[in-house]
Amino acid sequence: MNAPAEAVLHKSMPAFHKVLLLYNPVAGNAHAAHTRKLLSAAQVFRDAGVEVELEATRAQGEGGRQAKDALARGFDAIFACGGDGTVFDVLQGMVHGPEQVALGVLPLGTANVLATDLGLPGDIKAAARVTLGYAPRRIAAGQLRWNRTPDQQEGRTTYFSVAAGLGVHAELIYGATALLKQHGGFAAYYIAGLSLLVSHDFTPFSAEITLPDGSRRREELLELVGMRVSSFGKWLSRWRPGGALDHDYLQLITLKPSRRLAMIRYVISAIFRGAGPDSKSRSARVEFVRALCVRFRVIDTSPTARLRAQADGELLNGMPGEMSIVPRALTLLMPPSR
């Protein structure tokens, strides 16, 4: 966001008056440094007349429980302060929450795709200033039901705000985890990704896709991503598949069985030249589909078959049975122009 627009935002009163900053105490590479940044962001809010409380997440996966506990304590905004993982954790407690309590985002970690999509600067203090002009808006959320039993009656549910899916991109996250821990930064994803594209044994799966008009189609796929944002930012900023937080549908990117060279060519083109719903692949069978729901089934049920899944960059320990959209699921602080 440019400086003149930011200045205009500051002239109005913020849409929130009492906020809880939920932060990951181990986010980023320097605990003391990011603590100072967090306190500076809190001071920005206090200077604007906002009452602020800070609370560290107790452990991975606890942010959602802490957010849910905080919903009844008089806050009108709960901020997830950290990277993608922190936002994902806090989101789990905000979905189906009261409309008058908004989810806010402040970047304080290795990467925060949702903050980027919301137009927030990477510096947390600057992001706090910009957020003072944001407005609460009720939006949809993505939902995954996974680890389901054969009779499809039991299982776990998780929510996502950025993207979720199955296939090589989830395998990529798994393969890059060790590299990220050792070296950090997005380069680890691209190193692992290049290796996967060259050598990975793709696991096909079937998908039954429910379209917005209620009709259904069945596909055999190697890859599926359900997007809720416009792009992943960083080096993938040119790849814009057409997702948006204010859509009441999932923007699916599907890959049908294709030649390996064609897939490599498509990925390289998407990174350096850009790609989206209007672009055409020379031979990779990539398609962009609007959907309300997708049901999955692994075609190869042998013990060696492996199909990973992820939601907002968090690996899921099991095979999802269904991806869907939940209308009016949560209130999010967004730019007024959105």
C-alpha atoms as a PDB file:
ATOM      1  CA  MET A   1       0.000   0.000   0.000  1.00  0.00           C
ATOM      2  CA  ASN A   2       1.391   3.410  -0.938  1.00  0.00           C
ATOM      3  CA  ALA A   3       2.068   6.148   1.597  1.00  0.00           C
ATOM      4  CA  PRO A   4      -0.762   8.550   0.583  1.00  0.00           C
ATOM      5  CA  ALA A   5      -3.348   5.768   0.915  1.00  0.00           C
ATOM      6  CA  GLU A   6      -1.873   4.773   4.279  1.00  0.00           C
ATOM      7  CA  ALA A   7      -2.143   8.392   5.477  1.00  0.00           C
ATOM      8  CA  VAL A   8      -5.820   8.511   4.519  1.00  0.00           C
ATOM      9  CA  LEU A   9      -6.472   5.333   6.500  1.00  0.00           C
ATOM     10  CA  HIS A  10      -5.037   6.842   9.663  1.00  0.00           C
ATOM     11  CA  LYS A  11      -7.468   9.771   9.680  1.00  0.00           C
ATOM     12  CA  SER A  12     -10.417   7.521  10.542  1.00  0.00           C
ATOM     13  CA  MET A  13     -11.046   5.784  13.847  1.00  0.00           C
ATOM     14  CA  PRO A  14     -10.079   2.097  13.883  1.00  0.00           C
ATOM     15  CA  ALA A  15     -12.863  -0.470  13.601  1.00  0.00           C
ATOM     16  CA  PHE A  16     -11.639  -2.231  16.757  1.00  0.00           C
ATOM     17  CA  HIS A  17     -11.174  -0.982  20.315  1.00  0.00           C
ATOM     18  CA  LYS A  18      -9.975  -3.967  22.350  1.00  0.00           C
ATOM     19  CA  VAL A  19      -7.621  -6.479  20.740  1.00  0.00           C
ATOM     20  CA  LEU A  20      -5.741  -9.605  21.701  1.00  0.00           C
ATOM     21  CA  LEU A  21      -2.392 -10.211  20.016  1.00  0.00           C
ATOM     22  CA  LEU A  22      -1.803 -13.973  19.885  1.00  0.00           C
ATOM     23  CA  TYR A  23       1.804 -14.560  18.944  1.00  0.00           C
ATOM     24  CA  ASN A  24       4.116 -17.480  18.414  1.00  0.00           C
ATOM     25  CA  PRO A  25       6.964 -17.086  20.959  1.00  0.00           C
ATOM     26  CA  VAL A  26       9.384 -18.954  18.703  1.00  0.00           C
ATOM     27  CA  ALA A  27       8.414 -17.446  15.321  1.00  0.00           C
ATOM     28  CA  GLY A  28      11.321 -16.224  13.219  1.00  0.00           C
ATOM     29  CA  ASN A  29      15.028 -16.668  13.865  1.00  0.00           C
ATOM     30  CA  ALA A  30      15.560 -14.203  16.735  1.00  0.00           C
ATOM     31  CA  HIS A  31      13.234 -14.380  19.735  1.00  0.00           C
ATOM     32  CA  ALA A  32      14.340 -11.076  21.326  1.00  0.00           C
ATOM     33  CA  ALA A  33      14.171  -9.201  18.024  1.00  0.00           C
ATOM     34  CA  HIS A  34      10.671 -10.283  17.132  1.00  0.00           C
ATOM     35  CA  THR A  35       9.474  -9.610  20.692  1.00  0.00           C
ATOM     36  CA  ARG A  36      10.620  -5.986  20.319  1.00  0.00           C
ATOM     37  CA  LYS A  37       8.791  -5.767  16.992  1.00  0.00           C
ATOM     38  CA  LEU A  38       5.632  -7.178  18.541  1.00  0.00           C
ATOM     39  CA  LEU A  39       5.744  -4.602  21.351  1.00  0.00           C
ATOM     40  CA  SER A  40       6.231  -1.807  18.830  1.00  0.00           C
ATOM     41  CA  ALA A  41       3.122  -2.963  16.954  1.00  0.00           C
ATOM     42  CA  ALA A  42       1.169  -3.051  20.220  1.00  0.00           C
ATOM     43  CA  GLN A  43       2.249   0.529  20.900  1.00  0.00           C
ATOM     44  CA  VAL A  44       0.915   1.627  17.498  1.00  0.00           C
ATOM     45  CA  PHE A  45      -2.502   0.342  18.532  1.00  0.00           C
ATOM     46  CA  ARG A  46      -2.298   1.936  21.987  1.00  0.00           C
ATOM     47  CA  ASP A  47      -1.349   5.284  20.466  1.00  0.00           C
ATOM     48  CA  ALA A  48      -4.560   5.042  18.424  1.00  0.00           C
ATOM     49  CA  GLY A  49      -6.619   4.533  21.580  1.00  0.00           C
ATOM     50  CA  VAL A  50      -6.950   0.757  21.277  1.00  0.00           C
ATOM     51  CA  GLU A  51      -6.767  -1.445  24.371  1.00  0.00           C
ATOM     52  CA  VAL A  52      -4.214  -4.224  23.782  1.00  0.00           C
ATOM     53  CA  GLU A  53      -3.418  -7.521  25.470  1.00  0.00           C
ATOM     54  CA  LEU A  54      -0.614  -9.891  24.421  1.00  0.00           C
ATOM     55  CA  GLU A  55      -0.710 -13.648  24.804  1.00  0.00           C
ATOM     56  CA  ALA A  56       1.798 -16.250  23.613  1.00  0.00           C
ATOM     57  CA  THR A  57       0.518 -19.437  22.019  1.00  0.00           C
ATOM     58  CA  ARG A  58       1.264 -22.297  24.395  1.00  0.00           C
ATOM     59  CA  ALA A  59       2.200 -24.903  21.781  1.00  0.00           C
ATOM     60  CA  GLN A  60       1.688 -25.799  18.146  1.00  0.00           C
ATOM     61  CA  GLY A  61      -2.019 -26.294  17.555  1.00  0.00           C
ATOM     62  CA  GLU A  62      -3.025 -24.380  20.691  1.00  0.00           C
ATOM     63  CA  GLY A  63      -3.642 -21.021  19.002  1.00  0.00           C
ATOM     64  CA  GLY A  64      -7.140 -22.032  17.913  1.00  0.00           C
ATOM     65  CA  ARG A  65      -8.143 -23.101  21.405  1.00  0.00           C
ATOM     66  CA  GLN A  66      -6.771 -19.884  22.874  1.00  0.00           C
ATOM     67  CA  ALA A  67      -8.614 -17.807  20.260  1.00  0.00           C
ATOM     68  CA  LYS A  68     -11.860 -19.645  21.004  1.00  0.00           C
ATOM     69  CA  ASP A  69     -11.395 -19.064  24.740  1.00  0.00           C
ATOM     70  CA  ALA A  70     -10.821 -15.352  24.049  1.00  0.00           C
ATOM     71  CA  LEU A  71     -14.021 -14.872  22.031  1.00  0.00           C
ATOM     72  CA  ALA A  72     -16.095 -14.379  25.175  1.00  0.00           C
ATOM     73  CA  ARG A  73     -13.685 -11.960  26.866  1.00  0.00           C
ATOM     74  CA  GLY A  74     -14.849  -8.740  25.242  1.00  0.00           C
ATOM     75  CA  PHE A  75     -12.313  -8.445  22.423  1.00  0.00           C
ATOM     76  CA  ASP A  76     -13.552  -7.125  19.104  1.00  0.00           C
ATOM     77  CA  ALA A  77     -10.431  -8.308  17.243  1.00  0.00           C
ATOM     78  CA  ILE A  78      -8.012 -11.183  17.731  1.00  0.00           C
ATOM     79  CA  PHE A  79      -4.733 -10.857  15.836  1.00  0.00           C
ATOM     80  CA  ALA A  80      -2.637 -13.805  14.691  1.00  0.00           C
ATOM     81  CA  CYS A  81       0.932 -12.512  14.951  1.00  0.00           C
ATOM     82  CA  GLY A  82       3.430 -14.760  13.217  1.00  0.00           C
ATOM     83  CA  GLY A  83       3.834 -16.706  10.009  1.00  0.00           C
ATOM     84  CA  ASP A  84       1.501 -18.969   8.051  1.00  0.00           C
ATOM     85  CA  GLY A  85       1.472 -21.584  10.810  1.00  0.00           C
ATOM     86  CA  THR A  86       0.361 -19.126  13.478  1.00  0.00           C
ATOM     87  CA  VAL A  87      -2.442 -17.795  11.278  1.00  0.00           C
ATOM     88  CA  PHE A  88      -3.551 -21.361  10.531  1.00  0.00           C
ATOM     89  CA  ASP A  89      -3.656 -22.255  14.238  1.00  0.00           C
ATOM     90  CA  VAL A  90      -5.608 -19.148  15.277  1.00  0.00           C
ATOM     91  CA  LEU A  91      -8.016 -19.532  12.343  1.00  0.00           C
ATOM     92  CA  GLN A  92      -9.226 -22.881  13.698  1.00  0.00           C
ATOM     93  CA  GLY A  93     -10.754 -21.101  16.696  1.00  0.00           C
ATOM     94  CA  MET A  94     -12.230 -18.186  14.749  1.00  0.00           C
ATOM     95  CA  VAL A  95     -14.358 -20.040  12.192  1.00  0.00           C
ATOM     96  CA  HIS A  96     -18.058 -19.953  13.170  1.00  0.00           C
ATOM     97  CA  GLY A  97     -17.193 -17.324  15.782  1.00  0.00           C
ATOM     98  CA  PRO A  98     -19.409 -14.269  16.482  1.00  0.00           C
ATOM     99  CA  GLU A  99     -19.613 -11.761  13.651  1.00  0.00           C
ATOM    100  CA  GLN A 100     -18.604  -8.860  15.897  1.00  0.00           C
ATOM    101  CA  VAL A 101     -15.146 -10.368  16.629  1.00  0.00           C
ATOM    102  CA  ALA A 102     -12.723 -10.054  13.713  1.00  0.00           C
ATOM    103  CA  LEU A 103      -9.557 -11.942  12.865  1.00  0.00           C
ATOM    104  CA  GLY A 104      -6.584  -9.677  12.234  1.00  0.00           C
ATOM    105  CA  VAL A 105      -3.167 -10.615  10.838  1.00  0.00           C
ATOM    106  CA  LEU A 106       0.275  -9.193  11.616  1.00  0.00           C
ATOM    107  CA  PRO A 107       3.318 -10.774   9.885  1.00  0.00           C
ATOM    108  CA  LEU A 108       6.000 -11.981  12.269  1.00  0.00           C
ATOM    109  CA  GLY A 109       7.666 -15.061  10.826  1.00  0.00           C
ATOM    110  CA  THR A 110       9.329 -16.644   7.817  1.00  0.00           C
ATOM    111  CA  ALA A 111       6.315 -16.163   5.547  1.00  0.00           C
ATOM    112  CA  ASN A 112       2.743 -14.932   5.837  1.00  0.00           C
ATOM    113  CA  VAL A 113       0.801 -15.347   2.607  1.00  0.00           C
ATOM    114  CA  LEU A 114      -2.494 -14.086   4.029  1.00  0.00           C
ATOM    115  CA  ALA A 115      -0.852 -10.853   5.193  1.00  0.00           C
ATOM    116  CA  THR A 116       0.609 -10.386   1.712  1.00  0.00           C
ATOM    117  CA  ASP A 117      -2.791 -10.930   0.091  1.00  0.00           C
ATOM    118  CA  LEU A 118      -4.311  -8.361   2.458  1.00  0.00           C
ATOM    119  CA  GLY A 119      -1.762  -5.790   1.273  1.00  0.00           C
ATOM    120  CA  LEU A 120       0.111  -5.607   4.569  1.00  0.00           C
ATOM    121  CA  PRO A 121       3.794  -4.595   4.675  1.00  0.00           C
ATOM    122  CA  GLY A 122       6.313  -7.161   5.857  1.00  0.00           C
ATOM    123  CA  ASP A 123       7.325  -4.950   8.789  1.00  0.00           C
ATOM    124  CA  ILE A 124       4.957  -5.635  11.681  1.00  0.00           C
ATOM    125  CA  LYS A 125       4.914  -2.050  12.976  1.00  0.00           C
ATOM    126  CA  ALA A 126       4.048  -0.697   9.526  1.00  0.00           C
ATOM    127  CA  ALA A 127       1.449  -3.459   9.156  1.00  0.00           C
ATOM    128  CA  ALA A 128      -0.167  -2.390  12.440  1.00  0.00           C
ATOM    129  CA  ARG A 129      -0.440   1.195  11.173  1.00  0.00           C
ATOM    130  CA  VAL A 130      -2.106   0.044   7.958  1.00  0.00           C
ATOM    131  CA  THR A 131      -4.472  -2.297   9.814  1.00  0.00           C
ATOM    132  CA  LEU A 132      -5.854   0.664  11.784  1.00  0.00           C
ATOM    133  CA  GLY A 133      -7.731   1.579   8.616  1.00  0.00           C
ATOM    134  CA  TYR A 134      -9.024  -1.903   7.823  1.00  0.00           C
ATOM    135  CA  ALA A 135     -12.685  -2.871   8.156  1.00  0.00           C
ATOM    136  CA  PRO A 136     -14.279  -6.135   9.360  1.00  0.00           C
ATOM    137  CA  ARG A 137     -15.917  -8.229   6.669  1.00  0.00           C
ATOM    138  CA  ARG A 138     -17.670 -11.583   6.891  1.00  0.00           C
ATOM    139  CA  ILE A 139     -16.133 -14.007   4.385  1.00  0.00           C
ATOM    140  CA  ALA A 140     -16.089 -17.701   3.522  1.00  0.00           C
ATOM    141  CA  ALA A 141     -13.410 -20.162   4.607  1.00  0.00           C
ATOM    142  CA  GLY A 142     -12.082 -23.346   3.072  1.00  0.00           C
ATOM    143  CA  GLN A 143     -12.752 -26.605   4.881  1.00  0.00           C
ATOM    144  CA  LEU A 144     -11.085 -30.024   4.744  1.00  0.00           C
ATOM    145  CA  ARG A 145     -12.544 -33.186   6.206  1.00  0.00           C
ATOM    146  CA  TRP A 146      -9.830 -35.814   6.540  1.00  0.00           C
ATOM    147  CA  ASN A 147      -8.744 -39.100   8.164  1.00  0.00           C
ATOM    148  CA  ARG A 148     -12.249 -40.269   7.518  1.00  0.00           C
ATOM    149  CA  THR A 149     -13.442 -43.836   8.060  1.00  0.00           C
ATOM    150  CA  PRO A 150     -14.656 -45.998   5.138  1.00  0.00           C
ATOM    151  CA  ASP A 151     -18.308 -45.303   6.041  1.00  0.00           C
ATOM    152  CA  GLN A 152     -17.532 -41.538   5.835  1.00  0.00           C
ATOM    153  CA  GLN A 153     -19.197 -40.894   9.215  1.00  0.00           C
ATOM    154  CA  GLU A 154     -16.205 -39.903  11.331  1.00  0.00           C
ATOM    155  CA  GLY A 155     -13.113 -37.853  10.859  1.00  0.00           C
ATOM    156  CA  ARG A 156     -11.458 -34.524  11.573  1.00  0.00           C
ATOM    157  CA  THR A 157     -12.180 -31.093  10.170  1.00  0.00           C
ATOM    158  CA  THR A 158      -9.696 -28.312   9.565  1.00  0.00           C
ATOM    159  CA  TYR A 159     -10.092 -24.875   7.971  1.00  0.00           C
ATOM    160  CA  PHE A 160      -7.849 -22.842   5.685  1.00  0.00           C
ATOM    161  CA  SER A 161      -7.669 -19.238   4.494  1.00  0.00           C
ATOM    162  CA  VAL A 162      -4.935 -19.392   1.829  1.00  0.00           C
ATOM    163  CA  ALA A 163      -4.875 -22.744   0.017  1.00  0.00           C
ATOM    164  CA  ALA A 164      -5.137 -26.482   0.530  1.00  0.00           C
ATOM    165  CA  GLY A 165      -4.659 -29.479  -1.663  1.00  0.00           C
ATOM    166  CA  LEU A 166      -3.194 -32.826  -2.542  1.00  0.00           C
ATOM    167  CA  GLY A 167      -0.245 -33.973  -4.596  1.00  0.00           C
ATOM    168  CA  VAL A 168       3.252 -32.853  -5.366  1.00  0.00           C
ATOM    169  CA  HIS A 169       2.966 -29.375  -3.807  1.00  0.00           C
ATOM    170  CA  ALA A 170       2.190 -31.006  -0.424  1.00  0.00           C
ATOM    171  CA  GLU A 171       5.085 -33.390  -1.026  1.00  0.00           C
ATOM    172  CA  LEU A 172       7.154 -30.286  -1.738  1.00  0.00           C
ATOM    173  CA  ILE A 173       6.290 -28.804   1.667  1.00  0.00           C
ATOM    174  CA  TYR A 174       7.255 -32.082   3.312  1.00  0.00           C
ATOM    175  CA  GLY A 175      10.569 -32.272   1.453  1.00  0.00           C
ATOM    176  CA  ALA A 176      11.445 -28.641   2.123  1.00  0.00           C
ATOM    177  CA  THR A 177      10.809 -28.768   5.877  1.00  0.00           C
ATOM    178  CA  ALA A 178      14.305 -29.955   6.767  1.00  0.00           C
ATOM    179  CA  LEU A 179      15.919 -27.428   4.448  1.00  0.00           C
ATOM    180  CA  LEU A 180      13.856 -24.599   5.925  1.00  0.00           C
ATOM    181  CA  LYS A 181      14.889 -25.562   9.435  1.00  0.00           C
ATOM    182  CA  GLN A 182      18.556 -25.628   8.426  1.00  0.00           C
ATOM    183  CA  HIS A 183      18.732 -22.598   6.157  1.00  0.00           C
ATOM    184  CA  GLY A 184      15.380 -20.786   6.188  1.00  0.00           C
ATOM    185  CA  GLY A 185      13.889 -18.763   3.352  1.00  0.00           C
ATOM    186  CA  PHE A 186      11.911 -19.645   0.248  1.00  0.00           C
ATOM    187  CA  ALA A 187      14.907 -21.040  -1.647  1.00  0.00           C
ATOM    188  CA  ALA A 188      14.385 -24.346   0.162  1.00  0.00           C
ATOM    189  CA  TYR A 189      11.006 -24.766  -1.514  1.00  0.00           C
ATOM    190  CA  TYR A 190      12.451 -24.301  -4.972  1.00  0.00           C
ATOM    191  CA  ILE A 191      15.393 -26.623  -4.342  1.00  0.00           C
ATOM    192  CA  ALA A 192      13.059 -29.347  -3.118  1.00  0.00           C
ATOM    193  CA  GLY A 193      10.558 -28.591  -5.886  1.00  0.00           C
ATOM    194  CA  LEU A 194      13.077 -29.008  -8.675  1.00  0.00           C
ATOM    195  CA  SER A 195      14.102 -32.373  -7.270  1.00  0.00           C
ATOM    196  CA  LEU A 196      10.486 -33.525  -7.022  1.00  0.00           C
ATOM    197  CA  LEU A 197       9.580 -32.500 -10.554  1.00  0.00           C
ATOM    198  CA  VAL A 198      12.483 -34.510 -11.904  1.00  0.00           C
ATOM    199  CA  SER A 199      12.130 -37.666  -9.816  1.00  0.00           C
ATOM    200  CA  HIS A 200       8.809 -37.827  -7.932  1.00  0.00           C
ATOM    201  CA  ASP A 201       6.485 -40.789  -8.545  1.00  0.00           C
ATOM    202  CA  PHE A 202       3.107 -39.104  -8.813  1.00  0.00           C
ATOM    203  CA  THR A 203       0.156 -40.827  -7.125  1.00  0.00           C
ATOM    204  CA  PRO A 204      -3.085 -40.443  -9.107  1.00  0.00           C
ATOM    205  CA  PHE A 205      -6.385 -39.904  -7.332  1.00  0.00           C
ATOM    206  CA  SER A 206     -10.001 -39.460  -8.386  1.00  0.00           C
ATOM    207  CA  ALA A 207     -11.950 -36.302  -7.639  1.00  0.00           C
ATOM    208  CA  GLU A 208     -15.678 -35.631  -7.783  1.00  0.00           C
ATOM    209  CA  ILE A 209     -16.078 -31.868  -8.230  1.00  0.00           C
ATOM    210  CA  THR A 210     -19.329 -30.056  -7.430  1.00  0.00           C
ATOM    211  CA  LEU A 211     -19.592 -26.875  -9.518  1.00  0.00           C
ATOM    212  CA  PRO A 212     -21.390 -23.665  -8.415  1.00  0.00           C
ATOM    213  CA  ASP A 213     -24.462 -24.601 -10.468  1.00  0.00           C
ATOM    214  CA  GLY A 214     -24.771 -27.905  -8.593  1.00  0.00           C
ATOM    215  CA  SER A 215     -23.571 -30.116 -11.434  1.00  0.00           C
ATOM    216  CA  ARG A 216     -20.800 -32.643 -10.841  1.00  0.00           C
ATOM    217  CA  ARG A 217     -17.824 -33.894 -12.803  1.00  0.00           C
ATOM    218  CA  ARG A 218     -15.316 -36.651 -12.140  1.00  0.00           C
ATOM    219  CA  GLU A 219     -11.623 -36.422 -12.941  1.00  0.00           C
ATOM    220  CA  GLU A 220      -8.462 -38.461 -12.523  1.00  0.00           C
ATOM    221  CA  LEU A 221      -5.797 -36.073 -11.212  1.00  0.00           C
ATOM    222  CA  LEU A 222      -2.176 -35.903 -10.153  1.00  0.00           C
ATOM    223  CA  GLU A 223      -2.487 -32.582  -8.355  1.00  0.00           C
ATOM    224  CA  LEU A 224      -5.224 -30.335  -6.948  1.00  0.00           C
ATOM    225  CA  VAL A 225      -4.998 -27.004  -5.139  1.00  0.00           C
ATOM    226  CA  GLY A 226      -7.971 -25.077  -3.772  1.00  0.00           C
ATOM    227  CA  MET A 227      -7.064 -21.362  -3.645  1.00  0.00           C
ATOM    228  CA  ARG A 228      -8.616 -18.648  -1.494  1.00  0.00           C
ATOM    229  CA  VAL A 229      -6.070 -15.883  -2.250  1.00  0.00           C
ATOM    230  CA  SER A 230      -4.839 -14.299  -5.460  1.00  0.00           C
ATOM    231  CA  SER A 231      -1.283 -15.692  -5.297  1.00  0.00           C
ATOM    232  CA  PHE A 232       1.357 -17.087  -2.958  1.00  0.00           C
ATOM    233  CA  GLY A 233       3.512 -13.961  -3.330  1.00  0.00           C
ATOM    234  CA  LYS A 234       7.334 -13.922  -3.385  1.00  0.00           C
ATOM    235  CA  TRP A 235       8.738 -15.848  -6.336  1.00  0.00           C
ATOM    236  CA  LEU A 236       5.280 -17.164  -7.214  1.00  0.00           C
ATOM    237  CA  SER A 237       3.694 -13.718  -7.454  1.00  0.00           C
ATOM    238  CA  ARG A 238       3.377 -14.016 -11.252  1.00  0.00           C
ATOM    239  CA  TRP A 239       1.279 -17.187 -10.898  1.00  0.00           C
ATOM    240  CA  ARG A 240      -2.225 -15.833 -10.290  1.00  0.00           C
ATOM    241  CA  PRO A 241      -4.834 -18.598 -10.481  1.00  0.00           C
ATOM    242  CA  GLY A 242      -7.812 -16.346  -9.772  1.00  0.00           C
ATOM    243  CA  GLY A 243      -8.612 -16.984  -6.125  1.00  0.00           C
ATOM    244  CA  ALA A 244      -9.969 -14.273  -3.817  1.00  0.00           C
ATOM    245  CA  LEU A 245     -10.964 -14.072  -0.170  1.00  0.00           C
ATOM    246  CA  ASP A 246     -14.343 -12.551  -1.033  1.00  0.00           C
ATOM    247  CA  HIS A 247     -15.337 -15.429  -3.339  1.00  0.00           C
ATOM    248  CA  ASP A 248     -17.935 -17.889  -2.071  1.00  0.00           C
ATOM    249  CA  TYR A 249     -16.310 -20.721  -4.002  1.00  0.00           C
ATOM    250  CA  LEU A 250     -12.962 -22.471  -4.248  1.00  0.00           C
ATOM    251  CA  GLN A 251     -10.722 -21.715  -7.191  1.00  0.00           C
ATOM    252  CA  LEU A 252      -9.327 -25.139  -8.069  1.00  0.00           C
ATOM    253  CA  ILE A 253      -6.134 -25.706 -10.007  1.00  0.00           C
ATOM    254  CA  THR A 254      -6.073 -29.282 -11.284  1.00  0.00           C
ATOM    255  CA  LEU A 255      -3.386 -31.256 -13.072  1.00  0.00           C
ATOM    256  CA  LYS A 256      -4.380 -34.314 -15.062  1.00  0.00           C
ATOM    257  CA  PRO A 257      -1.806 -36.981 -16.006  1.00  0.00           C
ATOM    258  CA  SER A 258       0.786 -35.245 -18.191  1.00  0.00           C
ATOM    259  CA  ARG A 259       4.309 -35.770 -19.451  1.00  0.00           C
ATOM    260  CA  ARG A 260       6.942 -34.833 -16.870  1.00  0.00           C
ATOM    261  CA  LEU A 261       8.714 -32.441 -19.240  1.00  0.00           C
ATOM    262  CA  ALA A 262       5.448 -30.594 -19.839  1.00  0.00           C
ATOM    263  CA  MET A 263       4.893 -30.153 -16.102  1.00  0.00           C
ATOM    264  CA  ILE A 264       8.425 -28.812 -15.608  1.00  0.00           C
ATOM    265  CA  ARG A 265       7.943 -26.406 -18.500  1.00  0.00           C
ATOM    266  CA  TYR A 266       4.644 -25.165 -17.036  1.00  0.00           C
ATOM    267  CA  VAL A 267       6.115 -24.549 -13.564  1.00  0.00           C
ATOM    268  CA  ILE A 268       9.109 -22.645 -14.929  1.00  0.00           C
ATOM    269  CA  SER A 269       6.839 -20.541 -17.134  1.00  0.00           C
ATOM    270  CA  ALA A 270       4.484 -19.802 -14.217  1.00  0.00           C
ATOM    271  CA  ILE A 271       7.366 -18.600 -12.025  1.00  0.00           C
ATOM    272  CA  PHE A 272       9.152 -16.422 -14.556  1.00  0.00           C
ATOM    273  CA  ARG A 273       6.475 -15.411 -17.083  1.00  0.00           C
ATOM    274  CA  GLY A 274       3.269 -15.769 -15.113  1.00  0.00           C
ATOM    275  CA  ALA A 275       0.211 -17.964 -15.558  1.00  0.00           C
ATOM    276  CA  GLY A 276      -3.463 -17.930 -14.672  1.00  0.00           C
ATOM    277  CA  PRO A 277      -6.925 -19.000 -15.820  1.00  0.00           C
ATOM    278  CA  ASP A 278      -6.519 -17.246 -19.185  1.00  0.00           C
ATOM    279  CA  SER A 279      -3.081 -18.688 -19.975  1.00  0.00           C
ATOM    280  CA  LYS A 280      -2.593 -21.868 -21.958  1.00  0.00           C
ATOM    281  CA  SER A 281      -0.109 -24.643 -21.286  1.00  0.00           C
ATOM    282  CA  ARG A 282       1.646 -26.145 -24.281  1.00  0.00           C
ATOM    283  CA  SER A 283       1.108 -29.718 -23.106  1.00  0.00           C
ATOM    284  CA  ALA A 284       0.627 -29.908 -19.313  1.00  0.00           C
ATOM    285  CA  ARG A 285      -3.059 -30.595 -18.660  1.00  0.00           C
ATOM    286  CA  VAL A 286      -3.670 -27.773 -16.186  1.00  0.00           C
ATOM    287  CA  GLU A 287      -7.221 -26.513 -15.625  1.00  0.00           C
ATOM    288  CA  PHE A 288      -8.792 -23.814 -13.455  1.00  0.00           C
ATOM    289  CA  VAL A 289     -12.217 -24.709 -12.042  1.00  0.00           C
ATOM    290  CA  ARG A 290     -14.641 -22.928  -9.718  1.00  0.00           C
ATOM    291  CA  ALA A 291     -16.097 -25.382  -7.208  1.00  0.00           C
ATOM    292  CA  LEU A 292     -18.178 -25.641  -4.050  1.00  0.00           C
ATOM    293  CA  CYS A 293     -16.966 -29.075  -3.017  1.00  0.00           C
ATOM    294  CA  VAL A 294     -14.488 -31.798  -4.030  1.00  0.00           C
ATOM    295  CA  ARG A 295     -14.472 -35.411  -2.829  1.00  0.00           C
ATOM    296  CA  PHE A 296     -11.281 -37.461  -3.164  1.00  0.00           C
ATOM    297  CA  ARG A 297     -10.365 -41.107  -3.445  1.00  0.00           C
ATOM    298  CA  VAL A 298      -6.930 -42.658  -3.967  1.00  0.00           C
ATOM    299  CA  ILE A 299      -6.853 -44.876  -7.032  1.00  0.00           C
ATOM    300  CA  ASP A 300      -3.776 -46.862  -6.034  1.00  0.00           C
ATOM    301  CA  THR A 301      -4.452 -48.468  -2.636  1.00  0.00           C
ATOM    302  CA  SER A 302      -1.156 -50.395  -2.455  1.00  0.00           C
ATOM    303  CA  PRO A 303       0.970 -49.875   0.700  1.00  0.00           C
ATOM    304  CA  THR A 304       3.664 -48.063  -1.314  1.00  0.00           C
ATOM    305  CA  ALA A 305       1.266 -45.453  -2.713  1.00  0.00           C
ATOM    306  CA  ARG A 306       1.681 -42.091  -0.976  1.00  0.00           C
ATOM    307  CA  LEU A 307      -0.403 -38.968  -1.415  1.00  0.00           C
ATOM    308  CA  ARG A 308       0.301 -36.037   0.886  1.00  0.00           C
ATOM    309  CA  ALA A 309      -2.093 -33.232   1.706  1.00  0.00           C
ATOM    310  CA  GLN A 310      -1.663 -29.748   3.165  1.00  0.00           C
ATOM    311  CA  ALA A 311      -3.728 -26.819   4.394  1.00  0.00           C
ATOM    312  CA  ASP A 312      -2.161 -23.339   4.543  1.00  0.00           C
ATOM    313  CA  GLY A 313       1.277 -24.945   4.399  1.00  0.00           C
ATOM    314  CA  GLU A 314       0.577 -27.333   7.299  1.00  0.00           C
ATOM    315  CA  LEU A 315       0.920 -31.026   6.460  1.00  0.00           C
ATOM    316  CA  LEU A 316      -2.038 -33.254   7.306  1.00  0.00           C
ATOM    317  CA  ASN A 317      -1.383 -36.720   8.677  1.00  0.00           C
ATOM    318  CA  GLY A 318      -3.896 -38.489   6.508  1.00  0.00           C
ATOM    319  CA  MET A 319      -5.872 -38.423   3.290  1.00  0.00           C
ATOM    320  CA  PRO A 320      -8.678 -35.843   3.088  1.00  0.00           C
ATOM    321  CA  GLY A 321     -12.056 -37.114   2.005  1.00  0.00           C
ATOM    322  CA  GLU A 322     -13.575 -33.752   1.106  1.00  0.00           C
ATOM    323  CA  MET A 323     -12.696 -30.110   0.449  1.00  0.00           C
ATOM    324  CA  SER A 324     -15.482 -27.534   0.529  1.00  0.00           C
ATOM    325  CA  ILE A 325     -16.329 -23.895   1.088  1.00  0.00           C
ATOM    326  CA  VAL A 326     -18.080 -22.588   4.226  1.00  0.00           C
ATOM    327  CA  PRO A 327     -19.977 -19.339   3.456  1.00  0.00           C
ATOM    328  CA  ARG A 328     -19.850 -16.502   5.998  1.00  0.00           C
ATOM    329  CA  ALA A 329     -17.504 -18.516   8.183  1.00  0.00           C
ATOM    330  CA  LEU A 330     -15.499 -15.758   9.861  1.00  0.00           C
ATOM    331  CA  THR A 331     -14.988 -12.007  10.120  1.00  0.00           C
ATOM    332  CA  LEU A 332     -11.665 -10.769   8.742  1.00  0.00           C
ATOM    333  CA  LEU A 333     -10.084  -7.309   8.908  1.00  0.00           C
ATOM    334  CA  MET A 334      -9.603  -6.307   5.259  1.00  0.00           C
ATOM    335  CA  PRO A 335      -8.799  -3.177   3.241  1.00  0.00           C
ATOM    336  CA  PRO A 336     -11.966  -1.082   2.852  1.00  0.00           C
ATOM    337  CA  SER A 337     -11.543  -1.064  -0.930  1.00  0.00           C
ATOM    338  CA  ARG A 338     -11.956  -4.844  -0.976  1.00  0.00           C
END
